[in-house]
PDB file of N, CA and C in Angstrom:
ATOM      1  N   MET A   1     152.580   3.557-115.358  1.00  0.00           N
ATOM      2  CA  MET A   1     152.779   2.120-114.642  1.00  0.00           C
ATOM      3  C   MET A   1     151.804   1.872-113.994  1.00  0.00           C
ATOM      4  N   SER A   2     151.141   0.708-113.814  1.00  0.00           N
ATOM      5  CA  SER A   2     150.007   0.076-113.279  1.00  0.00           C
ATOM      6  C   SER A   2     150.395  -0.739-112.306  1.00  0.00           C
ATOM      7  N   ILE A   3     149.950  -0.651-111.150  1.00  0.00           N
ATOM      8  CA  ILE A   3     150.266  -1.380-109.989  1.00  0.00           C
ATOM      9  C   ILE A   3     149.081  -2.538-109.634  1.00  0.00           C
ATOM     10  N   PRO A   4     149.129  -3.734-109.648  1.00  0.00           N
ATOM     11  CA  PRO A   4     148.061  -4.476-109.259  1.00  0.00           C
ATOM     12  C   PRO A   4     147.225  -4.180-107.912  1.00  0.00           C
ATOM     13  N   SER A   5     145.943  -4.286-107.866  1.00  0.00           N
ATOM     14  CA  SER A   5     145.422  -3.880-106.880  1.00  0.00           C
ATOM     15  C   SER A   5     145.775  -4.755-105.538  1.00  0.00           C
ATOM     16  N   GLU A   6     146.264  -6.060-105.549  1.00  0.00           N
ATOM     17  CA  GLU A   6     146.531  -6.598-104.577  1.00  0.00           C
ATOM     18  C   GLU A   6     147.724  -6.194-103.815  1.00  0.00           C
ATOM     19  N   ALA A   7     148.561  -5.479-104.558  1.00  0.00           N
ATOM     20  CA  ALA A   7     149.928  -5.140-104.369  1.00  0.00           C
ATOM     21  C   ALA A   7     149.841  -3.549-103.685  1.00  0.00           C
ATOM     22  N   VAL A   8     148.559  -3.060-103.687  1.00  0.00           N
ATOM     23  CA  VAL A   8     148.581  -1.594-103.330  1.00  0.00           C
ATOM     24  C   VAL A   8     148.284  -1.629-101.795  1.00  0.00           C
ATOM     25  N   ARG A   9     148.910  -1.080-101.112  1.00  0.00           N
ATOM     26  CA  ARG A   9     148.751  -0.762 -99.557  1.00  0.00           C
ATOM     27  C   ARG A   9     148.559   0.733 -99.519  1.00  0.00           C
ATOM     28  N   LEU A  10     147.317   1.050 -98.806  1.00  0.00           N
ATOM     29  CA  LEU A  10     147.008   2.275 -98.404  1.00  0.00           C
ATOM     30  C   LEU A  10     147.547   2.721 -96.941  1.00  0.00           C
ATOM     31  N   ARG A  11     148.324   3.520 -96.738  1.00  0.00           N
ATOM     32  CA  ARG A  11     148.920   3.809 -95.613  1.00  0.00           C
ATOM     33  C   ARG A  11     148.615   5.290 -94.971  1.00  0.00           C
ATOM     34  N   SER A  12     148.285   5.457 -93.579  1.00  0.00           N
ATOM     35  CA  SER A  12     147.861   6.356 -92.928  1.00  0.00           C
ATOM     36  C   SER A  12     148.904   6.362 -92.019  1.00  0.00           C
ATOM     37  N   ALA A  13     148.992   7.419 -91.074  1.00  0.00           N
ATOM     38  CA  ALA A  13     150.309   7.574 -90.008  1.00  0.00           C
ATOM     39  C   ALA A  13     150.839   6.221 -89.820  1.00  0.00           C
ATOM     40  N   ARG A  14     150.375   5.222 -89.276  1.00  0.00           N
ATOM     41  CA  ARG A  14     151.078   4.146 -89.001  1.00  0.00           C
ATOM     42  C   ARG A  14     150.493   2.758 -89.222  1.00  0.00           C
ATOM     43  N   GLU A  15     149.508   3.093 -90.217  1.00  0.00           N
ATOM     44  CA  GLU A  15     148.554   1.781 -90.374  1.00  0.00           C
ATOM     45  C   GLU A  15     148.728   1.266 -91.863  1.00  0.00           C
ATOM     46  N   GLU A  16     148.579  -0.218 -91.889  1.00  0.00           N
ATOM     47  CA  GLU A  16     148.635  -0.703 -93.131  1.00  0.00           C
ATOM     48  C   GLU A  16     147.266  -1.257 -93.491  1.00  0.00           C
ATOM     49  N   TRP A  17     146.769  -1.086 -94.605  1.00  0.00           N
ATOM     50  CA  TRP A  17     145.447  -1.435 -94.965  1.00  0.00           C
ATOM     51  C   TRP A  17     145.747  -2.644 -95.820  1.00  0.00           C
ATOM     52  N   LEU A  18     144.808  -3.545 -95.794  1.00  0.00           N
ATOM     53  CA  LEU A  18     144.571  -5.001 -96.772  1.00  0.00           C
ATOM     54  C   LEU A  18     143.357  -4.863 -97.196  1.00  0.00           C
ATOM     55  N   THR A  19     143.553  -5.645 -98.571  1.00  0.00           N
ATOM     56  CA  THR A  19     142.353  -5.666 -99.351  1.00  0.00           C
ATOM     57  C   THR A  19     141.686  -6.992 -98.602  1.00  0.00           C
ATOM     58  N   PRO A  20     140.322  -7.377 -99.286  1.00  0.00           N
ATOM     59  CA  PRO A  20     139.518  -8.357 -98.758  1.00  0.00           C
ATOM     60  C   PRO A  20     140.337  -9.658 -99.048  1.00  0.00           C
ATOM     61  N   ALA A  21     140.883  -9.737-100.103  1.00  0.00           N
ATOM     62  CA  ALA A  21     141.735 -10.935-100.728  1.00  0.00           C
ATOM     63  C   ALA A  21     142.820 -11.422 -99.632  1.00  0.00           C
ATOM     64  N   GLU A  22     143.599 -10.385 -99.426  1.00  0.00           N
ATOM     65  CA  GLU A  22     144.649 -10.431 -98.557  1.00  0.00           C
ATOM     66  C   GLU A  22     144.167 -10.660 -96.916  1.00  0.00           C
ATOM     67  N   THR A  23     143.131 -10.109 -96.705  1.00  0.00           N
ATOM     68  CA  THR A  23     142.525 -10.375 -95.345  1.00  0.00           C
ATOM     69  C   THR A  23     142.132 -11.586 -95.147  1.00  0.00           C
ATOM     70  N   ALA A  24     141.285 -12.161 -96.227  1.00  0.00           N
ATOM     71  CA  ALA A  24     140.921 -13.617 -96.229  1.00  0.00           C
ATOM     72  C   ALA A  24     142.066 -14.584 -96.259  1.00  0.00           C
ATOM     73  N   LYS A  25     142.982 -14.322 -96.834  1.00  0.00           N
ATOM     74  CA  LYS A  25     144.441 -15.290 -96.612  1.00  0.00           C
ATOM     75  C   LYS A  25     144.878 -15.111 -95.318  1.00  0.00           C
ATOM     76  N   LEU A  26     145.129 -14.008 -94.728  1.00  0.00           N
ATOM     77  CA  LEU A  26     145.688 -13.929 -93.459  1.00  0.00           C
ATOM     78  C   LEU A  26     144.708 -14.513 -92.457  1.00  0.00           C
ATOM     79  N   ALA A  27     143.606 -14.360 -92.611  1.00  0.00           N
ATOM     80  CA  ALA A  27     142.794 -14.880 -91.678  1.00  0.00           C
ATOM     81  C   ALA A  27     142.024 -16.222 -91.669  1.00  0.00           C
ATOM     82  N   LYS A  28     142.550 -16.905 -92.891  1.00  0.00           N
ATOM     83  CA  LYS A  28     142.332 -18.290 -93.452  1.00  0.00           C
ATOM     84  C   LYS A  28     140.485 -18.397 -93.352  1.00  0.00           C
ATOM     85  N   LEU A  29     140.240 -17.451 -94.263  1.00  0.00           N
ATOM     86  CA  LEU A  29     138.731 -17.391 -94.514  1.00  0.00           C
ATOM     87  C   LEU A  29     138.599 -17.155 -95.985  1.00  0.00           C
ATOM     88  N   THR A  30     137.484 -17.187 -96.713  1.00  0.00           N
ATOM     89  CA  THR A  30     137.387 -17.281 -97.977  1.00  0.00           C
ATOM     90  C   THR A  30     136.822 -15.581 -98.245  1.00  0.00           C
ATOM     91  N   PRO A  31     137.241 -15.244 -99.380  1.00  0.00           N
ATOM     92  CA  PRO A  31     136.649 -13.818 -99.432  1.00  0.00           C
ATOM     93  C   PRO A  31     135.108 -13.696 -99.398  1.00  0.00           C
ATOM     94  N   GLY A  32     134.524 -14.703 -99.735  1.00  0.00           N
ATOM     95  CA  GLY A  32     133.185 -14.473 -99.617  1.00  0.00           C
ATOM     96  C   GLY A  32     132.414 -14.798 -98.356  1.00  0.00           C
ATOM     97  N   THR A  33     133.337 -15.514 -97.363  1.00  0.00           N
ATOM     98  CA  THR A  33     132.899 -15.456 -95.860  1.00  0.00           C
ATOM     99  C   THR A  33     133.068 -14.113 -95.479  1.00  0.00           C
ATOM    100  N   LEU A  34     134.279 -13.225 -95.762  1.00  0.00           N
ATOM    101  CA  LEU A  34     134.394 -12.065 -95.199  1.00  0.00           C
ATOM    102  C   LEU A  34     133.203 -11.002 -95.624  1.00  0.00           C
ATOM    103  N   ALA A  35     132.981 -11.165 -96.999  1.00  0.00           N
ATOM    104  CA  ALA A  35     131.649 -10.553 -97.688  1.00  0.00           C
ATOM    105  C   ALA A  35     130.490 -10.812 -96.721  1.00  0.00           C
ATOM    106  N   ASN A  36     130.237 -11.859 -96.267  1.00  0.00           N
ATOM    107  CA  ASN A  36     128.826 -12.321 -95.606  1.00  0.00           C
ATOM    108  C   ASN A  36     129.099 -11.533 -94.308  1.00  0.00           C
ATOM    109  N   HIS A  37     130.153 -11.608 -93.597  1.00  0.00           N
ATOM    110  CA  HIS A  37     130.684 -10.995 -92.446  1.00  0.00           C
ATOM    111  C   HIS A  37     130.174  -9.759 -92.343  1.00  0.00           C
ATOM    112  N   ARG A  38     130.669  -8.743 -93.561  1.00  0.00           N
ATOM    113  CA  ARG A  38     130.247  -7.588 -93.608  1.00  0.00           C
ATOM    114  C   ARG A  38     128.925  -7.280 -93.652  1.00  0.00           C
ATOM    115  N   TYR A  39     128.177  -7.978 -94.434  1.00  0.00           N
ATOM    116  CA  TYR A  39     126.602  -7.804 -94.663  1.00  0.00           C
ATOM    117  C   TYR A  39     125.917  -8.151 -93.511  1.00  0.00           C
ATOM    118  N   GLN A  40     126.493  -9.206 -92.416  1.00  0.00           N
ATOM    119  CA  GLN A  40     125.895  -9.456 -91.169  1.00  0.00           C
ATOM    120  C   GLN A  40     126.215  -8.625 -90.174  1.00  0.00           C
ATOM    121  N   GLY A  41     127.132  -7.886 -90.402  1.00  0.00           N
ATOM    122  CA  GLY A  41     127.615  -6.820 -89.285  1.00  0.00           C
ATOM    123  C   GLY A  41     128.460  -7.538 -88.149  1.00  0.00           C
ATOM    124  N   ILE A  42     129.253  -8.593 -88.608  1.00  0.00           N
ATOM    125  CA  ILE A  42     129.726  -9.267 -87.742  1.00  0.00           C
ATOM    126  C   ILE A  42     131.387  -9.297 -88.218  1.00  0.00           C
ATOM    127  N   GLY A  43     132.230  -9.915 -87.445  1.00  0.00           N
ATOM    128  CA  GLY A  43     133.446 -10.089 -88.114  1.00  0.00           C
ATOM    129  C   GLY A  43     134.667  -8.965 -87.731  1.00  0.00           C
ATOM    130  N   ILE A  44     135.638  -9.175 -88.570  1.00  0.00           N
ATOM    131  CA  ILE A  44     136.692  -8.108 -88.506  1.00  0.00           C
ATOM    132  C   ILE A  44     136.137  -6.640 -88.933  1.00  0.00           C
ATOM    133  N   PRO A  45     136.590  -5.682 -88.459  1.00  0.00           N
ATOM    134  CA  PRO A  45     136.148  -4.347 -88.667  1.00  0.00           C
ATOM    135  C   PRO A  45     136.908  -4.066 -89.889  1.00  0.00           C
ATOM    136  N   TYR A  46     136.221  -2.955 -90.598  1.00  0.00           N
ATOM    137  CA  TYR A  46     136.564  -2.784 -92.246  1.00  0.00           C
ATOM    138  C   TYR A  46     136.395  -1.255 -92.355  1.00  0.00           C
ATOM    139  N   THR A  47     136.740  -0.883 -93.420  1.00  0.00           N
ATOM    140  CA  THR A  47     136.423   0.859 -93.919  1.00  0.00           C
ATOM    141  C   THR A  47     136.013   0.572 -95.533  1.00  0.00           C
ATOM    142  N   LYS A  48     134.940   0.986 -95.726  1.00  0.00           N
ATOM    143  CA  LYS A  48     134.559   1.204 -97.051  1.00  0.00           C
ATOM    144  C   LYS A  48     134.874   2.608 -97.651  1.00  0.00           C
ATOM    145  N   LEU A  49     135.806   2.390 -98.566  1.00  0.00           N
ATOM    146  CA  LEU A  49     136.396   3.510 -99.275  1.00  0.00           C
ATOM    147  C   LEU A  49     135.392   4.109-100.321  1.00  0.00           C
ATOM    148  N   THR A  50     134.816   3.589-101.034  1.00  0.00           N
ATOM    149  CA  THR A  50     133.740   4.082-102.141  1.00  0.00           C
ATOM    150  C   THR A  50     132.416   3.595-101.564  1.00  0.00           C
ATOM    151  N   PRO A  51     131.368   4.505-101.871  1.00  0.00           N
ATOM    152  CA  PRO A  51     129.874   4.048-101.361  1.00  0.00           C
ATOM    153  C   PRO A  51     129.334   2.990-102.413  1.00  0.00           C
ATOM    154  N   GLY A  52     128.170   2.535-101.756  1.00  0.00           N
ATOM    155  CA  GLY A  52     127.528   1.748-102.376  1.00  0.00           C
ATOM    156  C   GLY A  52     127.878   0.041-102.588  1.00  0.00           C
ATOM    157  N   ARG A  53     126.955  -0.503-103.330  1.00  0.00           N
ATOM    158  CA  ARG A  53     127.393  -1.728-103.470  1.00  0.00           C
ATOM    159  C   ARG A  53     128.704  -2.178-104.356  1.00  0.00           C
ATOM    160  N   GLY A  54     129.465  -2.757-104.109  1.00  0.00           N
ATOM    161  CA  GLY A  54     130.501  -3.072-104.817  1.00  0.00           C
ATOM    162  C   GLY A  54     131.575  -2.096-104.562  1.00  0.00           C
ATOM    163  N   GLY A  55     131.412  -1.281-103.345  1.00  0.00           N
ATOM    164  CA  GLY A  55     132.450  -0.433-103.046  1.00  0.00           C
ATOM    165  C   GLY A  55     133.906  -0.999-102.463  1.00  0.00           C
ATOM    166  N   ARG A  56     134.945  -0.286-102.916  1.00  0.00           N
ATOM    167  CA  ARG A  56     136.298  -0.774-102.107  1.00  0.00           C
ATOM    168  C   ARG A  56     136.122  -0.738-101.064  1.00  0.00           C
ATOM    169  N   VAL A  57     136.752  -2.109-100.284  1.00  0.00           N
ATOM    170  CA  VAL A  57     136.588  -2.310 -98.720  1.00  0.00           C
ATOM    171  C   VAL A  57     138.023  -2.547 -98.450  1.00  0.00           C
ATOM    172  N   ARG A  58     138.462  -2.119 -97.278  1.00  0.00           N
ATOM    173  CA  ARG A  58     139.831  -2.387 -96.766  1.00  0.00           C
ATOM    174  C   ARG A  58     139.906  -2.671 -95.190  1.00  0.00           C
ATOM    175  N   TYR A  59     140.635  -3.461 -94.650  1.00  0.00           N
ATOM    176  CA  TYR A  59     140.788  -3.847 -93.309  1.00  0.00           C
ATOM    177  C   TYR A  59     142.429  -3.382 -92.752  1.00  0.00           C
ATOM    178  N   ARG A  60     142.154  -2.808 -91.468  1.00  0.00           N
ATOM    179  CA  ARG A  60     143.384  -2.481 -90.797  1.00  0.00           C
ATOM    180  C   ARG A  60     144.062  -3.702 -90.569  1.00  0.00           C
ATOM    181  N   ARG A  61     145.500  -3.837 -90.879  1.00  0.00           N
ATOM    182  CA  ARG A  61     146.172  -4.998 -90.395  1.00  0.00           C
ATOM    183  C   ARG A  61     146.101  -5.364 -88.956  1.00  0.00           C
ATOM    184  N   SER A  62     146.161  -4.090 -88.273  1.00  0.00           N
ATOM    185  CA  SER A  62     146.022  -4.165 -86.699  1.00  0.00           C
ATOM    186  C   SER A  62     145.021  -4.843 -86.208  1.00  0.00           C
ATOM    187  N   ASP A  63     143.656  -4.185 -86.808  1.00  0.00           N
ATOM    188  CA  ASP A  63     142.464  -5.012 -86.341  1.00  0.00           C
ATOM    189  C   ASP A  63     142.355  -6.408 -86.696  1.00  0.00           C
ATOM    190  N   VAL A  64     142.894  -6.920 -87.834  1.00  0.00           N
ATOM    191  CA  VAL A  64     143.000  -8.260 -88.202  1.00  0.00           C
ATOM    192  C   VAL A  64     143.507  -8.951 -87.338  1.00  0.00           C
ATOM    193  N   GLU A  65     144.875  -8.667 -86.840  1.00  0.00           N
ATOM    194  CA  GLU A  65     145.787  -9.380 -86.084  1.00  0.00           C
ATOM    195  C   GLU A  65     144.994  -9.372 -84.826  1.00  0.00           C
ATOM    196  N   LYS A  66     144.351  -8.341 -84.209  1.00  0.00           N
ATOM    197  CA  LYS A  66     143.692  -8.247 -82.938  1.00  0.00           C
ATOM    198  C   LYS A  66     142.495  -9.466 -82.823  1.00  0.00           C
ATOM    199  N   TRP A  67     141.657  -9.047 -84.099  1.00  0.00           N
ATOM    200  CA  TRP A  67     140.682  -9.958 -84.295  1.00  0.00           C
ATOM    201  C   TRP A  67     141.203 -11.566 -84.253  1.00  0.00           C
ATOM    202  N   LEU A  68     142.326 -12.002 -84.878  1.00  0.00           N
ATOM    203  CA  LEU A  68     142.790 -13.251 -84.870  1.00  0.00           C
ATOM    204  C   LEU A  68     143.256 -13.700 -83.385  1.00  0.00           C
ATOM    205  N   SER A  69     143.587 -12.679 -82.761  1.00  0.00           N
ATOM    206  CA  SER A  69     143.987 -13.043 -81.255  1.00  0.00           C
ATOM    207  C   SER A  69     143.214 -13.160 -80.189  1.00  0.00           C
ATOM    208  N   GLY A  70     141.769 -12.793 -80.596  1.00  0.00           N
ATOM    209  CA  GLY A  70     140.787 -12.795 -79.885  1.00  0.00           C
ATOM    210  C   GLY A  70     140.626 -11.554 -79.045  1.00  0.00           C
ATOM    211  N   ASP A  71     141.281 -10.385 -79.283  1.00  0.00           N
ATOM    212  CA  ASP A  71     141.456  -9.301 -78.524  1.00  0.00           C
ATOM    213  C   ASP A  71     140.610  -8.263 -79.113  1.00  0.00           C
ATOM    214  N   LEU A  72     139.945  -8.523 -80.248  1.00  0.00           N
ATOM    215  CA  LEU A  72     138.833  -7.544 -80.768  1.00  0.00           C
ATOM    216  C   LEU A  72     137.690  -8.224 -80.880  1.00  0.00           C
ATOM    217  N   ALA A  73     136.800  -7.481 -80.377  1.00  0.00           N
ATOM    218  CA  ALA A  73     135.184  -8.020 -80.431  1.00  0.00           C
ATOM    219  C   ALA A  73     134.810  -7.855 -81.924  1.00  0.00           C
ATOM    220  N   ALA A  74     133.852  -8.534 -82.322  1.00  0.00           N
ATOM    221  CA  ALA A  74     133.316  -8.567 -83.849  1.00  0.00           C
ATOM    222  C   ALA A  74     132.618  -7.067 -83.846  1.00  0.00           C
ATOM    223  N   ALA A  75     132.825  -6.537 -85.311  1.00  0.00           N
ATOM    224  CA  ALA A  75     132.432  -5.220 -85.615  1.00  0.00           C
ATOM    225  C   ALA A  75     130.961  -5.162 -85.136  1.00  0.00           C
TER     226      ALA A  75
END
């Protein structure tokens, strides 16, 4: 059985990880804006799961929420 990537949650001890599409929706940004922020080194901190261009990127929900509230400085 296959699970759509949008529904997949990677969990570490207490963290929920979001896809760029999920993060964009939560932050009211476009996925393209998030990609531009990553390229420019600004915006919400992220983790790259696979190396190279087109690698899988995830955002910690806690970082997204902190960034939205203004408590987290740009990456």
